[in-house]
Amino acid sequence: MPKIHFTAHDGTEQTVEAKAGMSLMEAAVQNSVVGIDADCGGSCACATCHVYIDPAFLPLTGTPDDMETSMLEFAEDVKETSRLSCQIIVSDVLEGMLVNTPESQ
């Protein structure tokens, strides 16, 4: 199982083991990662699972589709590395990925 490293806006770090095939959001919620609210449960309808992906790993997460891009318009402090964690499927290539959570969702 790939290990994913989350860092909250206050610097708190948490490493979780994520099962391949689940979404990054599911892994975060199952491990109570601070800063991932996931209000819609992963249906790409709220942007409360907004995260920043380390640039080195960003190409490995796939390309956001139109729905994700549209939902990111509702997120605060969107950056080039912003993604919705519900739209990233964990795979072995994401081993060691660094993910930061925004100050607010």
N, C-alpha and C. Protein backbone atom coordinates (compact mmCIF):
# COMPACT_ATOMS: atom_id res chain seq x y z
N MET A 1 0.84 -1.18 0.00
CA MET A 1 0.00 0.00 0.00
C MET A 1 0.88 1.24 0.00
N PRO A 2 0.63 2.15 -0.93
CA PRO A 2 1.43 3.37 -1.00
C PRO A 2 1.26 4.24 0.25
N LYS A 3 2.35 4.83 0.68
CA LYS A 3 2.31 5.79 1.78
C LYS A 3 2.19 7.18 1.18
N ILE A 4 1.22 7.95 1.71
CA ILE A 4 0.98 9.31 1.27
C ILE A 4 1.23 10.22 2.47
N HIS A 5 1.97 11.30 2.25
CA HIS A 5 2.34 12.22 3.32
C HIS A 5 1.51 13.51 3.20
N PHE A 6 0.68 13.76 4.20
CA PHE A 6 -0.15 14.96 4.25
C PHE A 6 0.47 15.96 5.20
N THR A 7 0.42 17.23 4.81
CA THR A 7 0.84 18.32 5.69
C THR A 7 -0.29 19.33 5.74
N ALA A 8 -0.77 19.61 6.95
CA ALA A 8 -1.83 20.60 7.15
C ALA A 8 -1.23 22.00 7.05
N HIS A 9 -2.09 22.99 6.90
CA HIS A 9 -1.62 24.37 6.75
C HIS A 9 -0.82 24.84 7.96
N ASP A 10 -1.03 24.22 9.12
CA ASP A 10 -0.29 24.62 10.33
C ASP A 10 1.01 23.85 10.51
N GLY A 11 1.34 23.00 9.52
CA GLY A 11 2.59 22.25 9.57
C GLY A 11 2.47 20.85 10.15
N THR A 12 1.30 20.50 10.67
CA THR A 12 1.09 19.16 11.20
C THR A 12 1.21 18.14 10.08
N GLU A 13 2.01 17.11 10.31
CA GLU A 13 2.24 16.09 9.29
C GLU A 13 1.59 14.77 9.69
N GLN A 14 1.10 14.06 8.69
CA GLN A 14 0.51 12.75 8.90
C GLN A 14 0.77 11.88 7.69
N THR A 15 1.26 10.69 7.91
CA THR A 15 1.49 9.74 6.83
C THR A 15 0.44 8.63 6.94
N VAL A 16 -0.18 8.32 5.81
CA VAL A 16 -1.19 7.27 5.79
C VAL A 16 -0.82 6.24 4.73
N GLU A 17 -1.25 5.02 4.98
CA GLU A 17 -1.12 3.97 3.97
C GLU A 17 -2.46 3.91 3.26
N ALA A 18 -2.42 4.03 1.94
CA ALA A 18 -3.64 4.07 1.15
C ALA A 18 -3.71 2.84 0.26
N LYS A 19 -4.85 2.23 0.23
CA LYS A 19 -5.04 1.05 -0.60
C LYS A 19 -5.18 1.48 -2.06
N ALA A 20 -4.42 0.84 -2.93
CA ALA A 20 -4.51 1.14 -4.36
C ALA A 20 -5.95 0.92 -4.83
N GLY A 21 -6.44 1.86 -5.63
CA GLY A 21 -7.79 1.79 -6.16
C GLY A 21 -8.78 2.68 -5.44
N MET A 22 -8.46 3.10 -4.23
CA MET A 22 -9.35 4.02 -3.52
C MET A 22 -8.96 5.45 -3.88
N SER A 23 -9.84 6.38 -3.61
CA SER A 23 -9.49 7.77 -3.88
C SER A 23 -8.61 8.31 -2.76
N LEU A 24 -7.86 9.33 -3.09
CA LEU A 24 -7.02 10.00 -2.10
C LEU A 24 -7.89 10.54 -0.97
N MET A 25 -9.08 11.04 -1.31
CA MET A 25 -10.01 11.55 -0.31
C MET A 25 -10.45 10.45 0.64
N GLU A 26 -10.77 9.27 0.12
CA GLU A 26 -11.18 8.15 0.97
C GLU A 26 -10.07 7.78 1.94
N ALA A 27 -8.85 7.74 1.47
CA ALA A 27 -7.72 7.42 2.33
C ALA A 27 -7.57 8.48 3.43
N ALA A 28 -7.75 9.74 3.07
CA ALA A 28 -7.64 10.83 4.04
C ALA A 28 -8.74 10.75 5.09
N VAL A 29 -9.97 10.53 4.65
CA VAL A 29 -11.10 10.46 5.58
C VAL A 29 -10.96 9.26 6.51
N GLN A 30 -10.59 8.10 5.97
CA GLN A 30 -10.44 6.91 6.80
C GLN A 30 -9.36 7.06 7.85
N ASN A 31 -8.42 7.97 7.60
CA ASN A 31 -7.33 8.20 8.54
C ASN A 31 -7.43 9.53 9.27
N SER A 32 -8.60 10.16 9.20
CA SER A 32 -8.88 11.42 9.90
C SER A 32 -7.85 12.51 9.62
N VAL A 33 -7.48 12.67 8.37
CA VAL A 33 -6.53 13.71 7.99
C VAL A 33 -7.19 15.07 8.17
N VAL A 34 -6.54 15.94 8.93
CA VAL A 34 -7.05 17.28 9.19
C VAL A 34 -7.04 18.09 7.90
N GLY A 35 -8.15 18.78 7.63
CA GLY A 35 -8.22 19.67 6.48
C GLY A 35 -8.94 19.07 5.28
N ILE A 36 -9.34 17.81 5.37
CA ILE A 36 -10.11 17.18 4.29
C ILE A 36 -11.52 16.96 4.84
N ASP A 37 -12.44 17.84 4.45
CA ASP A 37 -13.82 17.76 4.97
C ASP A 37 -14.66 16.75 4.20
N ALA A 38 -14.55 16.73 2.89
CA ALA A 38 -15.25 15.76 2.04
C ALA A 38 -16.75 15.75 2.28
N ASP A 39 -17.36 16.91 2.28
CA ASP A 39 -18.79 17.04 2.57
C ASP A 39 -19.69 16.24 1.63
N CYS A 40 -19.31 16.13 0.37
CA CYS A 40 -20.18 15.44 -0.59
C CYS A 40 -19.88 13.95 -0.68
N GLY A 41 -18.90 13.48 0.06
CA GLY A 41 -18.60 12.06 0.08
C GLY A 41 -17.85 11.55 -1.14
N GLY A 42 -17.34 12.45 -1.94
CA GLY A 42 -16.52 12.02 -3.07
C GLY A 42 -17.21 12.08 -4.42
N SER A 43 -18.32 12.79 -4.50
CA SER A 43 -19.04 12.86 -5.77
C SER A 43 -18.67 14.07 -6.62
N CYS A 44 -17.58 14.74 -6.27
CA CYS A 44 -17.10 15.91 -7.02
C CYS A 44 -18.17 16.99 -7.11
N ALA A 45 -18.80 17.27 -5.95
CA ALA A 45 -19.89 18.23 -5.94
C ALA A 45 -19.71 19.34 -4.90
N CYS A 46 -18.49 19.46 -4.31
CA CYS A 46 -18.39 20.48 -3.26
C CYS A 46 -17.02 21.15 -3.13
N ALA A 47 -15.96 20.54 -3.50
CA ALA A 47 -14.60 21.09 -3.39
C ALA A 47 -14.07 21.16 -1.95
N THR A 48 -14.68 20.43 -1.01
CA THR A 48 -14.17 20.43 0.37
C THR A 48 -13.11 19.37 0.61
N CYS A 49 -12.60 18.81 -0.47
CA CYS A 49 -11.46 17.89 -0.37
C CYS A 49 -10.29 18.45 -1.18
N HIS A 50 -10.30 19.76 -1.37
CA HIS A 50 -9.26 20.48 -2.10
C HIS A 50 -7.91 20.27 -1.44
N VAL A 51 -6.92 19.93 -2.24
CA VAL A 51 -5.55 19.75 -1.75
C VAL A 51 -4.56 20.33 -2.75
N TYR A 52 -3.32 20.47 -2.31
CA TYR A 52 -2.21 20.87 -3.17
C TYR A 52 -1.28 19.67 -3.30
N ILE A 53 -1.04 19.27 -4.52
CA ILE A 53 -0.18 18.13 -4.80
C ILE A 53 1.24 18.62 -5.06
N ASP A 54 2.22 17.95 -4.48
CA ASP A 54 3.61 18.30 -4.75
C ASP A 54 3.85 18.26 -6.26
N PRO A 55 4.48 19.29 -6.81
CA PRO A 55 4.68 19.37 -8.27
C PRO A 55 5.33 18.13 -8.88
N ALA A 56 6.20 17.45 -8.16
CA ALA A 56 6.85 16.26 -8.69
C ALA A 56 5.86 15.12 -8.92
N PHE A 57 4.78 15.10 -8.16
CA PHE A 57 3.79 14.04 -8.26
C PHE A 57 2.58 14.43 -9.10
N LEU A 58 2.42 15.71 -9.36
CA LEU A 58 1.23 16.19 -10.08
C LEU A 58 0.98 15.46 -11.40
N PRO A 59 2.00 15.24 -12.24
CA PRO A 59 1.74 14.53 -13.50
C PRO A 59 1.26 13.08 -13.30
N LEU A 60 1.55 12.50 -12.14
CA LEU A 60 1.17 11.13 -11.86
C LEU A 60 -0.28 10.99 -11.40
N THR A 61 -0.94 12.12 -11.13
CA THR A 61 -2.31 12.08 -10.61
C THR A 61 -3.36 12.17 -11.71
N GLY A 62 -2.94 12.30 -12.95
CA GLY A 62 -3.90 12.43 -14.04
C GLY A 62 -4.26 13.89 -14.28
N THR A 63 -5.12 14.08 -15.23
CA THR A 63 -5.54 15.43 -15.62
C THR A 63 -6.96 15.68 -15.11
N PRO A 64 -7.20 16.82 -14.47
CA PRO A 64 -8.56 17.11 -14.00
C PRO A 64 -9.53 17.17 -15.19
N ASP A 65 -10.71 16.57 -15.00
CA ASP A 65 -11.72 16.67 -16.05
C ASP A 65 -12.49 17.98 -15.89
N ASP A 66 -13.43 18.23 -16.77
CA ASP A 66 -14.17 19.49 -16.75
C ASP A 66 -14.94 19.69 -15.45
N MET A 67 -15.51 18.62 -14.91
CA MET A 67 -16.28 18.74 -13.67
C MET A 67 -15.38 19.15 -12.51
N GLU A 68 -14.21 18.52 -12.40
CA GLU A 68 -13.28 18.88 -11.33
C GLU A 68 -12.81 20.32 -11.49
N THR A 69 -12.47 20.69 -12.69
CA THR A 69 -12.02 22.06 -12.96
C THR A 69 -13.10 23.06 -12.57
N SER A 70 -14.35 22.73 -12.88
CA SER A 70 -15.47 23.59 -12.53
C SER A 70 -15.63 23.70 -11.01
N MET A 71 -15.51 22.59 -10.31
CA MET A 71 -15.66 22.61 -8.85
C MET A 71 -14.52 23.36 -8.16
N LEU A 72 -13.34 23.31 -8.73
CA LEU A 72 -12.21 24.04 -8.15
C LEU A 72 -12.44 25.54 -8.17
N GLU A 73 -13.32 26.01 -9.04
CA GLU A 73 -13.65 27.44 -9.07
C GLU A 73 -14.31 27.89 -7.76
N PHE A 74 -14.89 26.95 -7.01
CA PHE A 74 -15.55 27.26 -5.75
C PHE A 74 -14.61 27.14 -4.56
N ALA A 75 -13.42 26.60 -4.78
CA ALA A 75 -12.45 26.42 -3.69
C ALA A 75 -11.71 27.73 -3.43
N GLU A 76 -11.23 27.88 -2.21
CA GLU A 76 -10.45 29.05 -1.85
C GLU A 76 -8.97 28.81 -2.13
N ASP A 77 -8.28 29.87 -2.50
CA ASP A 77 -6.82 29.85 -2.68
C ASP A 77 -6.35 28.74 -3.63
N VAL A 78 -6.97 28.67 -4.79
CA VAL A 78 -6.59 27.68 -5.80
C VAL A 78 -5.24 28.04 -6.40
N LYS A 79 -4.41 27.02 -6.58
CA LYS A 79 -3.08 27.18 -7.15
C LYS A 79 -2.92 26.24 -8.33
N GLU A 80 -1.79 26.32 -9.02
CA GLU A 80 -1.53 25.43 -10.15
C GLU A 80 -1.50 23.97 -9.74
N THR A 81 -1.19 23.71 -8.49
CA THR A 81 -1.09 22.33 -8.00
C THR A 81 -2.36 21.85 -7.30
N SER A 82 -3.43 22.64 -7.40
CA SER A 82 -4.70 22.28 -6.75
C SER A 82 -5.38 21.12 -7.45
N ARG A 83 -5.91 20.22 -6.65
CA ARG A 83 -6.73 19.11 -7.15
C ARG A 83 -7.80 18.81 -6.10
N LEU A 84 -8.84 18.13 -6.52
CA LEU A 84 -9.81 17.59 -5.58
C LEU A 84 -9.37 16.16 -5.28
N SER A 85 -9.15 15.87 -4.02
CA SER A 85 -8.60 14.56 -3.66
C SER A 85 -9.57 13.42 -3.98
N CYS A 86 -10.86 13.72 -4.14
CA CYS A 86 -11.82 12.67 -4.50
C CYS A 86 -11.63 12.20 -5.94
N GLN A 87 -10.89 12.97 -6.73
CA GLN A 87 -10.71 12.64 -8.14
C GLN A 87 -9.35 12.00 -8.43
N ILE A 88 -8.56 11.77 -7.40
CA ILE A 88 -7.25 11.14 -7.56
C ILE A 88 -7.34 9.71 -7.04
N ILE A 89 -7.10 8.76 -7.91
CA ILE A 89 -7.13 7.36 -7.54
C ILE A 89 -5.72 6.93 -7.15
N VAL A 90 -5.62 6.37 -5.97
CA VAL A 90 -4.32 5.93 -5.45
C VAL A 90 -3.82 4.72 -6.25
N SER A 91 -2.55 4.79 -6.58
CA SER A 91 -1.87 3.66 -7.22
C SER A 91 -0.45 3.60 -6.67
N ASP A 92 0.25 2.52 -6.98
CA ASP A 92 1.59 2.34 -6.45
C ASP A 92 2.56 3.44 -6.89
N VAL A 93 2.31 4.08 -8.03
CA VAL A 93 3.20 5.14 -8.49
C VAL A 93 3.14 6.38 -7.60
N LEU A 94 2.13 6.46 -6.75
CA LEU A 94 2.00 7.61 -5.85
C LEU A 94 2.71 7.41 -4.51
N GLU A 95 3.45 6.31 -4.38
CA GLU A 95 4.22 6.04 -3.16
C GLU A 95 5.07 7.26 -2.80
N GLY A 96 4.89 7.73 -1.55
CA GLY A 96 5.67 8.86 -1.06
C GLY A 96 5.14 10.22 -1.46
N MET A 97 3.97 10.28 -2.09
CA MET A 97 3.43 11.57 -2.55
C MET A 97 3.23 12.53 -1.39
N LEU A 98 3.57 13.78 -1.64
CA LEU A 98 3.40 14.86 -0.66
C LEU A 98 2.16 15.65 -1.04
N VAL A 99 1.27 15.82 -0.04
CA VAL A 99 0.01 16.52 -0.24
C VAL A 99 -0.13 17.55 0.87
N ASN A 100 -0.49 18.77 0.50
CA ASN A 100 -0.73 19.82 1.49
C ASN A 100 -2.21 20.19 1.48
N THR A 101 -2.74 20.48 2.65
CA THR A 101 -4.13 20.91 2.73
C THR A 101 -4.20 22.42 2.90
N PRO A 102 -5.19 23.06 2.31
CA PRO A 102 -5.31 24.51 2.42
C PRO A 102 -5.76 24.93 3.82
N GLU A 103 -5.65 26.21 4.09
CA GLU A 103 -6.04 26.72 5.41
C GLU A 103 -7.52 26.55 5.66
N SER A 104 -8.33 26.70 4.62
CA SER A 104 -9.77 26.51 4.79
C SER A 104 -10.35 25.80 3.58
N GLN A 105 -11.46 25.16 3.80
CA GLN A 105 -12.16 24.45 2.72
C GLN A 105 -13.43 25.19 2.39
